[in-house]
Amino acid sequence: MRLPRDISGPHLAQALGRLGYTIDHQRGSHVRLTTQRGGEHHITIPAHDPIKVGTLNAILRDVGEHAGLERTELLRVLFG
């Protein structure tokens, strides 16, 4: 499965909710999400529309490492 090219920050935050992430706070155009699943983990995402592909890739790599999911499985959970 390919990375989506047109995903916005709020849509990504909603998708990450499937993995237990909730919005902790927002400062300017960046949103901080936190999860307690598998230990506490924080991720900051831009509230841009769309998110740049390289930025999205880095965010998903970090989330995948924490969740113990490979890239294809993570994309299926979030966007499939």
C-alpha atoms as a PDB file:
ATOM      1  CA  MET A   1       0.000   0.000   0.000  1.00  0.00           C
ATOM      2  CA  ARG A   2       1.313   3.449  -0.913  1.00  0.00           C
ATOM      3  CA  LEU A   3       1.500   6.474   1.349  1.00  0.00           C
ATOM      4  CA  PRO A   4      -1.490   8.754   0.835  1.00  0.00           C
ATOM      5  CA  ARG A   5      -0.431  11.967  -0.906  1.00  0.00           C
ATOM      6  CA  ASP A   6      -3.317  14.182   0.162  1.00  0.00           C
ATOM      7  CA  ILE A   7      -3.725  13.585   3.897  1.00  0.00           C
ATOM      8  CA  SER A   8      -4.213  16.549   6.226  1.00  0.00           C
ATOM      9  CA  GLY A   9      -2.988  16.892   9.805  1.00  0.00           C
ATOM     10  CA  PRO A  10      -6.458  16.598  11.378  1.00  0.00           C
ATOM     11  CA  HIS A  11      -7.213  13.504   9.272  1.00  0.00           C
ATOM     12  CA  LEU A  12      -3.915  11.911  10.338  1.00  0.00           C
ATOM     13  CA  ALA A  13      -4.687  12.687  14.003  1.00  0.00           C
ATOM     14  CA  GLN A  14      -8.067  10.984  13.600  1.00  0.00           C
ATOM     15  CA  ALA A  15      -6.453   7.941  11.947  1.00  0.00           C
ATOM     16  CA  LEU A  16      -3.851   7.675  14.726  1.00  0.00           C
ATOM     17  CA  GLY A  17      -6.762   7.499  17.170  1.00  0.00           C
ATOM     18  CA  ARG A  18      -7.204   3.895  15.976  1.00  0.00           C
ATOM     19  CA  LEU A  19      -3.880   3.141  17.676  1.00  0.00           C
ATOM     20  CA  GLY A  20      -4.881   4.859  20.920  1.00  0.00           C
ATOM     21  CA  TYR A  21      -3.399   8.303  20.235  1.00  0.00           C
ATOM     22  CA  THR A  22      -5.296  11.273  21.634  1.00  0.00           C
ATOM     23  CA  ILE A  23      -4.669  14.979  21.184  1.00  0.00           C
ATOM     24  CA  ASP A  24      -2.626  16.246  24.111  1.00  0.00           C
ATOM     25  CA  HIS A  25      -2.355  19.888  23.066  1.00  0.00           C
ATOM     26  CA  GLN A  26      -1.852  22.195  20.114  1.00  0.00           C
ATOM     27  CA  ARG A  27       0.557  25.063  19.748  1.00  0.00           C
ATOM     28  CA  GLY A  28       0.312  27.062  16.565  1.00  0.00           C
ATOM     29  CA  SER A  29       0.079  24.744  13.598  1.00  0.00           C
ATOM     30  CA  HIS A  30       1.427  21.652  15.384  1.00  0.00           C
ATOM     31  CA  VAL A  31      -0.566  19.084  17.336  1.00  0.00           C
ATOM     32  CA  ARG A  32       0.932  16.788  19.965  1.00  0.00           C
ATOM     33  CA  LEU A  33      -0.589  13.331  20.298  1.00  0.00           C
ATOM     34  CA  THR A  34      -0.009  10.901  23.154  1.00  0.00           C
ATOM     35  CA  THR A  35      -0.728   7.209  23.656  1.00  0.00           C
ATOM     36  CA  GLN A  36      -0.356   4.957  26.668  1.00  0.00           C
ATOM     37  CA  ARG A  37      -0.499   1.692  24.668  1.00  0.00           C
ATOM     38  CA  GLY A  38       2.784  -0.156  24.940  1.00  0.00           C
ATOM     39  CA  GLY A  39       4.210   2.563  27.161  1.00  0.00           C
ATOM     40  CA  GLU A  40       3.862   6.309  26.883  1.00  0.00           C
ATOM     41  CA  HIS A  41       4.672   7.739  23.456  1.00  0.00           C
ATOM     42  CA  HIS A  42       4.374  11.276  22.077  1.00  0.00           C
ATOM     43  CA  ILE A  43       4.282  12.377  18.460  1.00  0.00           C
ATOM     44  CA  THR A  44       3.980  15.870  17.015  1.00  0.00           C
ATOM     45  CA  ILE A  45       2.250  16.348  13.687  1.00  0.00           C
ATOM     46  CA  PRO A  46       1.731  19.486  11.614  1.00  0.00           C
ATOM     47  CA  ALA A  47      -1.877  20.630  11.144  1.00  0.00           C
ATOM     48  CA  HIS A  48      -1.160  21.318   7.467  1.00  0.00           C
ATOM     49  CA  ASP A  49      -3.179  20.332   4.420  1.00  0.00           C
ATOM     50  CA  PRO A  50      -1.599  18.306   2.930  1.00  0.00           C
ATOM     51  CA  ILE A  51       1.286  16.994   5.027  1.00  0.00           C
ATOM     52  CA  LYS A  52       4.500  16.649   3.004  1.00  0.00           C
ATOM     53  CA  VAL A  53       5.299  13.060   2.054  1.00  0.00           C
ATOM     54  CA  GLY A  54       8.687  13.017   3.805  1.00  0.00           C
ATOM     55  CA  THR A  55       7.151  14.352   7.011  1.00  0.00           C
ATOM     56  CA  LEU A  56       4.342  11.803   6.863  1.00  0.00           C
ATOM     57  CA  ASN A  57       6.861   9.007   6.264  1.00  0.00           C
ATOM     58  CA  ALA A  58       8.909  10.042   9.323  1.00  0.00           C
ATOM     59  CA  ILE A  59       5.790  10.235  11.519  1.00  0.00           C
ATOM     60  CA  LEU A  60       4.577   6.810  10.418  1.00  0.00           C
ATOM     61  CA  ARG A  61       8.041   5.276  10.871  1.00  0.00           C
ATOM     62  CA  ASP A  62       8.122   6.535  14.478  1.00  0.00           C
ATOM     63  CA  VAL A  63       4.576   5.321  15.190  1.00  0.00           C
ATOM     64  CA  GLY A  64       5.288   1.939  13.580  1.00  0.00           C
ATOM     65  CA  GLU A  65       8.405   1.413  15.691  1.00  0.00           C
ATOM     66  CA  HIS A  66       6.487   2.169  18.871  1.00  0.00           C
ATOM     67  CA  ALA A  67       3.493   0.003  17.932  1.00  0.00           C
ATOM     68  CA  GLY A  68       5.640  -2.856  16.637  1.00  0.00           C
ATOM     69  CA  LEU A  69       3.949  -2.792  13.233  1.00  0.00           C
ATOM     70  CA  GLU A  70       5.559  -3.067   9.825  1.00  0.00           C
ATOM     71  CA  ARG A  71       4.858  -0.314   7.316  1.00  0.00           C
ATOM     72  CA  THR A  72       2.260  -2.171   5.225  1.00  0.00           C
ATOM     73  CA  GLU A  73       0.354  -3.346   8.288  1.00  0.00           C
ATOM     74  CA  LEU A  74       0.440   0.148   9.806  1.00  0.00           C
ATOM     75  CA  LEU A  75      -0.899   1.709   6.588  1.00  0.00           C
ATOM     76  CA  ARG A  76      -3.689  -0.890   6.464  1.00  0.00           C
ATOM     77  CA  VAL A  77      -4.707  -0.140  10.074  1.00  0.00           C
ATOM     78  CA  LEU A  78      -4.660   3.620   9.588  1.00  0.00           C
ATOM     79  CA  PHE A  79      -5.936   4.092   6.033  1.00  0.00           C
ATOM     80  CA  GLY A  80      -7.208   0.736   4.827  1.00  0.00           C
END
